[in-house]
PDB file of all heavy atoms in Angstrom:
ATOM      1  N   VAL A   1     141.765  16.151  73.540  1.00  0.00           N
ATOM      2  CA  VAL A   1     143.207  15.983  73.469  1.00  0.00           C
ATOM      3  C   VAL A   1     143.627  14.656  74.119  1.00  0.00           C
ATOM      4  O   VAL A   1     144.300  13.832  73.508  1.00  0.00           O
ATOM      5  CB  VAL A   1     143.936  17.148  74.166  1.00  0.00           C
ATOM      6  CG1 VAL A   1     145.437  16.917  74.186  1.00  0.00           C
ATOM      7  CG2 VAL A   1     143.594  18.469  73.492  1.00  0.00           C
ATOM      8  N   ALA A   2     143.235  14.466  75.380  1.00  0.00           N
ATOM      9  CA  ALA A   2     143.668  13.279  76.118  1.00  0.00           C
ATOM     10  C   ALA A   2     142.720  13.049  77.280  1.00  0.00           C
ATOM     11  O   ALA A   2     142.026  13.973  77.714  1.00  0.00           O
ATOM     12  CB  ALA A   2     145.093  13.451  76.633  1.00  0.00           C
ATOM     13  N   ALA A   3     142.715  11.815  77.786  1.00  0.00           N
ATOM     14  CA  ALA A   3     141.872  11.503  78.932  1.00  0.00           C
ATOM     15  C   ALA A   3     142.498  10.409  79.769  1.00  0.00           C
ATOM     16  O   ALA A   3     143.212   9.540  79.255  1.00  0.00           O
ATOM     17  CB  ALA A   3     140.471  11.085  78.492  1.00  0.00           C
ATOM     18  N   SER A   4     142.176  10.473  81.062  1.00  0.00           N
ATOM     19  CA  SER A   4     142.598   9.461  82.016  1.00  0.00           C
ATOM     20  C   SER A   4     141.336   8.852  82.610  1.00  0.00           C
ATOM     21  O   SER A   4     140.554   9.553  83.256  1.00  0.00           O
ATOM     22  CB  SER A   4     143.451  10.108  83.112  1.00  0.00           C
ATOM     23  OG  SER A   4     143.687   9.186  84.161  1.00  0.00           O
ATOM     24  N   LYS A   5     141.143   7.582  82.367  1.00  0.00           N
ATOM     25  CA  LYS A   5     139.940   6.898  82.836  1.00  0.00           C
ATOM     26  C   LYS A   5     139.982   6.737  84.344  1.00  0.00           C
ATOM     27  O   LYS A   5     141.038   6.584  84.955  1.00  0.00           O
ATOM     28  CB  LYS A   5     139.818   5.537  82.148  1.00  0.00           C
ATOM     29  CG  LYS A   5     138.546   4.773  82.419  1.00  0.00           C
ATOM     30  CD  LYS A   5     137.375   5.366  81.688  1.00  0.00           C
ATOM     31  CE  LYS A   5     136.169   4.434  81.735  1.00  0.00           C
ATOM     32  NZ  LYS A   5     135.714   4.148  83.096  1.00  0.00           N
ATOM     33  N   SER A   6     138.804   6.718  84.967  1.00  0.00           N
ATOM     34  CA  SER A   6     138.694   6.565  86.412  1.00  0.00           C
ATOM     35  C   SER A   6     139.166   5.199  86.898  1.00  0.00           C
ATOM     36  O   SER A   6     139.335   4.267  86.106  1.00  0.00           O
ATOM     37  CB  SER A   6     137.239   6.754  86.829  1.00  0.00           C
ATOM     38  OG  SER A   6     136.429   5.784  86.184  1.00  0.00           O
ATOM     39  N   ASN A   7     139.406   5.121  88.197  1.00  0.00           N
ATOM     40  CA  ASN A   7     139.706   3.859  88.880  1.00  0.00           C
ATOM     41  C   ASN A   7     140.867   3.093  88.247  1.00  0.00           C
ATOM     42  O   ASN A   7     140.763   1.883  87.997  1.00  0.00           O
ATOM     43  CB  ASN A   7     138.453   2.982  88.939  1.00  0.00           C
ATOM     44  CG  ASN A   7     137.351   3.623  89.753  1.00  0.00           C
ATOM     45  OD1 ASN A   7     137.599   4.199  90.818  1.00  0.00           O
ATOM     46  ND2 ASN A   7     136.131   3.555  89.258  1.00  0.00           N
ATOM     47  N   GLY A   8     141.922   3.813  87.968  1.00  0.00           N
ATOM     48  CA  GLY A   8     143.116   3.177  87.437  1.00  0.00           C
ATOM     49  C   GLY A   8     143.013   2.727  86.009  1.00  0.00           C
ATOM     50  O   GLY A   8     143.794   1.883  85.556  1.00  0.00           O
ATOM     51  N   GLY A   9     142.074   3.270  85.303  1.00  0.00           N
ATOM     52  CA  GLY A   9     141.880   2.891  83.908  1.00  0.00           C
ATOM     53  C   GLY A   9     142.944   3.463  82.992  1.00  0.00           C
ATOM     54  O   GLY A   9     143.884   4.130  83.419  1.00  0.00           O
ATOM     55  N   SER A  10     142.769   3.203  81.743  1.00  0.00           N
ATOM     56  CA  SER A  10     143.778   3.550  80.747  1.00  0.00           C
ATOM     57  C   SER A  10     143.734   5.034  80.381  1.00  0.00           C
ATOM     58  O   SER A  10     142.862   5.777  80.806  1.00  0.00           O
ATOM     59  CB  SER A  10     143.557   2.705  79.492  1.00  0.00           C
ATOM     60  OG  SER A  10     143.689   1.339  79.764  1.00  0.00           O
ATOM     61  N   THR A  11     144.727   5.407  79.583  1.00  0.00           N
ATOM     62  CA  THR A  11     144.806   6.754  79.049  1.00  0.00           C
ATOM     63  C   THR A  11     144.542   6.726  77.553  1.00  0.00           C
ATOM     64  O   THR A  11     144.781   5.698  76.890  1.00  0.00           O
ATOM     65  CB  THR A  11     146.177   7.370  79.320  1.00  0.00           C
ATOM     66  OG1 THR A  11     147.193   6.506  78.781  1.00  0.00           O
ATOM     67  CG2 THR A  11     146.420   7.521  80.817  1.00  0.00           C
ATOM     68  N   TYR A  12     144.056   7.848  77.058  1.00  0.00           N
ATOM     69  CA  TYR A  12     143.661   7.936  75.658  1.00  0.00           C
ATOM     70  C   TYR A  12     144.095   9.282  75.096  1.00  0.00           C
ATOM     71  O   TYR A  12     144.117  10.283  75.808  1.00  0.00           O
ATOM     72  CB  TYR A  12     142.143   7.766  75.534  1.00  0.00           C
ATOM     73  CG  TYR A  12     141.662   6.464  76.110  1.00  0.00           C
ATOM     74  CD1 TYR A  12     141.352   6.358  77.459  1.00  0.00           C
ATOM     75  CD2 TYR A  12     141.548   5.329  75.311  1.00  0.00           C
ATOM     76  CE1 TYR A  12     140.951   5.156  78.005  1.00  0.00           C
ATOM     77  CE2 TYR A  12     141.141   4.123  75.851  1.00  0.00           C
ATOM     78  CZ  TYR A  12     140.844   4.041  77.199  1.00  0.00           C
ATOM     79  OH  TYR A  12     140.456   2.841  77.735  1.00  0.00           O
ATOM     80  N   TYR A  13     144.443   9.265  73.805  1.00  0.00           N
ATOM     81  CA  TYR A  13     144.948  10.471  73.165  1.00  0.00           C
ATOM     82  C   TYR A  13     144.351  10.630  71.776  1.00  0.00           C
ATOM     83  O   TYR A  13     144.088   9.640  71.084  1.00  0.00           O
ATOM     84  CB  TYR A  13     146.473  10.401  73.024  1.00  0.00           C
ATOM     85  CG  TYR A  13     147.202  10.240  74.329  1.00  0.00           C
ATOM     86  CD1 TYR A  13     147.492   8.982  74.821  1.00  0.00           C
ATOM     87  CD2 TYR A  13     147.594  11.356  75.069  1.00  0.00           C
ATOM     88  CE1 TYR A  13     148.155   8.826  76.042  1.00  0.00           C
ATOM     89  CE2 TYR A  13     148.257  11.215  76.272  1.00  0.00           C
ATOM     90  CZ  TYR A  13     148.530   9.944  76.754  1.00  0.00           C
ATOM     91  OH  TYR A  13     149.176   9.788  77.952  1.00  0.00           O
ATOM     92  N   THR A  14     144.190  11.855  71.374  1.00  0.00           N
ATOM     93  CA  THR A  14     143.870  12.084  69.982  1.00  0.00           C
ATOM     94  C   THR A  14     145.129  11.829  69.157  1.00  0.00           C
ATOM     95  O   THR A  14     146.257  11.959  69.656  1.00  0.00           O
ATOM     96  CB  THR A  14     143.347  13.514  69.766  1.00  0.00           C
ATOM     97  OG1 THR A  14     142.776  13.623  68.475  1.00  0.00           O
ATOM     98  CG2 THR A  14     144.450  14.544  69.925  1.00  0.00           C
ATOM     99  N   ASP A  15     144.954  11.448  67.923  1.00  0.00           N
ATOM    100  CA  ASP A  15     146.091  11.003  67.101  1.00  0.00           C
ATOM    101  C   ASP A  15     147.189  12.069  66.975  1.00  0.00           C
ATOM    102  O   ASP A  15     148.381  11.741  66.945  1.00  0.00           O
ATOM    103  CB  ASP A  15     145.607  10.610  65.709  1.00  0.00           C
ATOM    104  CG  ASP A  15     144.881   9.278  65.704  1.00  0.00           C
ATOM    105  OD1 ASP A  15     144.986   8.535  66.706  1.00  0.00           O
ATOM    106  OD2 ASP A  15     144.207   8.981  64.697  1.00  0.00           O
ATOM    107  N   SER A  16     146.807  13.326  66.900  1.00  0.00           N
ATOM    108  CA  SER A  16     147.792  14.376  66.638  1.00  0.00           C
ATOM    109  C   SER A  16     148.764  14.613  67.786  1.00  0.00           C
ATOM    110  O   SER A  16     149.787  15.268  67.595  1.00  0.00           O
ATOM    111  CB  SER A  16     147.077  15.681  66.283  1.00  0.00           C
ATOM    112  OG  SER A  16     146.307  16.136  67.380  1.00  0.00           O
ATOM    113  N   VAL A  17     148.462  14.091  68.965  1.00  0.00           N
ATOM    114  CA  VAL A  17     149.360  14.321  70.105  1.00  0.00           C
ATOM    115  C   VAL A  17     150.018  13.036  70.596  1.00  0.00           C
ATOM    116  O   VAL A  17     150.864  13.082  71.508  1.00  0.00           O
ATOM    117  CB  VAL A  17     148.631  15.016  71.276  1.00  0.00           C
ATOM    118  CG1 VAL A  17     147.923  16.284  70.794  1.00  0.00           C
ATOM    119  CG2 VAL A  17     147.672  14.088  71.986  1.00  0.00           C
ATOM    120  N   LYS A  18     149.660  11.920  70.033  1.00  0.00           N
ATOM    121  CA  LYS A  18     150.252  10.649  70.468  1.00  0.00           C
ATOM    122  C   LYS A  18     151.766  10.671  70.287  1.00  0.00           C
ATOM    123  O   LYS A  18     152.272  11.099  69.257  1.00  0.00           O
ATOM    124  CB  LYS A  18     149.653   9.487  69.673  1.00  0.00           C
ATOM    125  CG  LYS A  18     148.249   9.116  70.093  1.00  0.00           C
ATOM    126  CD  LYS A  18     147.712   7.964  69.263  1.00  0.00           C
ATOM    127  CE  LYS A  18     146.291   7.620  69.694  1.00  0.00           C
ATOM    128  NZ  LYS A  18     145.700   6.551  68.843  1.00  0.00           N
ATOM    129  N   GLY A  19     152.456  10.221  71.323  1.00  0.00           N
ATOM    130  CA  GLY A  19     153.914  10.220  71.287  1.00  0.00           C
ATOM    131  C   GLY A  19     154.538  11.525  71.726  1.00  0.00           C
ATOM    132  O   GLY A  19     155.743  11.593  71.957  1.00  0.00           O
ATOM    133  N   ARG A  20     153.740  12.575  71.864  1.00  0.00           N
ATOM    134  CA  ARG A  20     154.259  13.877  72.295  1.00  0.00           C
ATOM    135  C   ARG A  20     153.677  14.309  73.649  1.00  0.00           C
ATOM    136  O   ARG A  20     154.363  14.937  74.439  1.00  0.00           O
ATOM    137  CB  ARG A  20     153.943  14.952  71.258  1.00  0.00           C
ATOM    138  CG  ARG A  20     154.528  14.689  69.891  1.00  0.00           C
ATOM    139  CD  ARG A  20     154.357  15.889  68.962  1.00  0.00           C
ATOM    140  NE  ARG A  20     152.946  16.215  68.729  1.00  0.00           N
ATOM    141  CZ  ARG A  20     152.390  17.393  69.007  1.00  0.00           C
ATOM    142  NH1 ARG A  20     153.110  18.370  69.524  1.00  0.00           N
ATOM    143  NH2 ARG A  20     151.106  17.604  68.737  1.00  0.00           N
ATOM    144  N   PHE A  21     152.425  13.993  73.889  1.00  0.00           N
ATOM    145  CA  PHE A  21     151.745  14.391  75.125  1.00  0.00           C
ATOM    146  C   PHE A  21     151.550  13.172  76.012  1.00  0.00           C
ATOM    147  O   PHE A  21     151.316  12.055  75.520  1.00  0.00           O
ATOM    148  CB  PHE A  21     150.374  14.985  74.830  1.00  0.00           C
ATOM    149  CG  PHE A  21     150.392  16.331  74.161  1.00  0.00           C
ATOM    150  CD1 PHE A  21     151.531  16.876  73.613  1.00  0.00           C
ATOM    151  CD2 PHE A  21     149.211  17.071  74.083  1.00  0.00           C
ATOM    152  CE1 PHE A  21     151.521  18.114  72.999  1.00  0.00           C
ATOM    153  CE2 PHE A  21     149.188  18.318  73.473  1.00  0.00           C
ATOM    154  CZ  PHE A  21     150.346  18.823  72.914  1.00  0.00           C
ATOM    155  N   THR A  22     151.611  13.390  77.313  1.00  0.00           N
ATOM    156  CA  THR A  22     151.371  12.326  78.284  1.00  0.00           C
ATOM    157  C   THR A  22     150.451  12.842  79.382  1.00  0.00           C
ATOM    158  O   THR A  22     150.754  13.875  79.998  1.00  0.00           O
ATOM    159  CB  THR A  22     152.674  11.829  78.915  1.00  0.00           C
ATOM    160  OG1 THR A  22     153.566  11.370  77.888  1.00  0.00           O
ATOM    161  CG2 THR A  22     152.397  10.684  79.881  1.00  0.00           C
ATOM    162  N   ILE A  23     149.365  12.140  79.601  1.00  0.00           N
ATOM    163  CA  ILE A  23     148.466  12.485  80.696  1.00  0.00           C
ATOM    164  C   ILE A  23     148.758  11.563  81.873  1.00  0.00           C
ATOM    165  O   ILE A  23     148.986  10.354  81.689  1.00  0.00           O
ATOM    166  CB  ILE A  23     146.979  12.394  80.260  1.00  0.00           C
ATOM    167  CG1 ILE A  23     146.069  12.929  81.358  1.00  0.00           C
ATOM    168  CG2 ILE A  23     146.603  10.976  79.867  1.00  0.00           C
ATOM    169  CD1 ILE A  23     144.616  13.087  80.919  1.00  0.00           C
ATOM    170  N   SER A  24     148.776  12.128  83.056  1.00  0.00           N
ATOM    171  CA  SER A  24     149.006  11.340  84.265  1.00  0.00           C
ATOM    172  C   SER A  24     148.212  11.966  85.403  1.00  0.00           C
ATOM    173  O   SER A  24     147.706  13.092  85.267  1.00  0.00           O
ATOM    174  CB  SER A  24     150.503  11.294  84.607  1.00  0.00           C
ATOM    175  OG  SER A  24     150.998  12.593  84.868  1.00  0.00           O
ATOM    176  N   ARG A  25     148.121  11.238  86.489  1.00  0.00           N
ATOM    177  CA  ARG A  25     147.342  11.778  87.601  1.00  0.00           C
ATOM    178  C   ARG A  25     147.964  11.400  88.927  1.00  0.00           C
ATOM    179  O   ARG A  25     148.614  10.359  89.050  1.00  0.00           O
ATOM    180  CB  ARG A  25     145.886  11.305  87.514  1.00  0.00           C
ATOM    181  CG  ARG A  25     145.697   9.810  87.614  1.00  0.00           C
ATOM    182  CD  ARG A  25     144.294   9.414  87.162  1.00  0.00           C
ATOM    183  NE  ARG A  25     143.250   9.970  88.012  1.00  0.00           N
ATOM    184  CZ  ARG A  25     141.967  10.095  87.643  1.00  0.00           C
ATOM    185  NH1 ARG A  25     141.580   9.705  86.444  1.00  0.00           N
ATOM    186  NH2 ARG A  25     141.080  10.598  88.486  1.00  0.00           N
ATOM    187  N   ASP A  26     147.745  12.268  89.904  1.00  0.00           N
ATOM    188  CA  ASP A  26     148.136  12.018  91.291  1.00  0.00           C
ATOM    189  C   ASP A  26     146.854  12.126  92.108  1.00  0.00           C
ATOM    190  O   ASP A  26     146.430  13.233  92.456  1.00  0.00           O
ATOM    191  CB  ASP A  26     149.183  13.036  91.739  1.00  0.00           C
ATOM    192  CG  ASP A  26     149.714  12.763  93.133  1.00  0.00           C
ATOM    193  OD1 ASP A  26     149.023  12.056  93.906  1.00  0.00           O
ATOM    194  OD2 ASP A  26     150.784  13.264  93.476  1.00  0.00           O
ATOM    195  N   ASN A  27     146.249  10.996  92.386  1.00  0.00           N
ATOM    196  CA  ASN A  27     144.956  11.014  93.066  1.00  0.00           C
ATOM    197  C   ASN A  27     145.053  11.579  94.482  1.00  0.00           C
ATOM    198  O   ASN A  27     144.087  12.164  94.987  1.00  0.00           O
ATOM    199  CB  ASN A  27     144.355   9.611  93.094  1.00  0.00           C
ATOM    200  CG  ASN A  27     143.908   9.154  91.723  1.00  0.00           C
ATOM    201  OD1 ASN A  27     143.470   9.955  90.891  1.00  0.00           O
ATOM    202  ND2 ASN A  27     144.030   7.862  91.467  1.00  0.00           N
TER     203      ASN A  27
END
């Protein structure tokens, strides 16, 4: 569905959720 890369890296989404889902993190 989605991923958050380590060490402040980028986020990635599968096409079907782009624009609707947001991944974020609080380290």
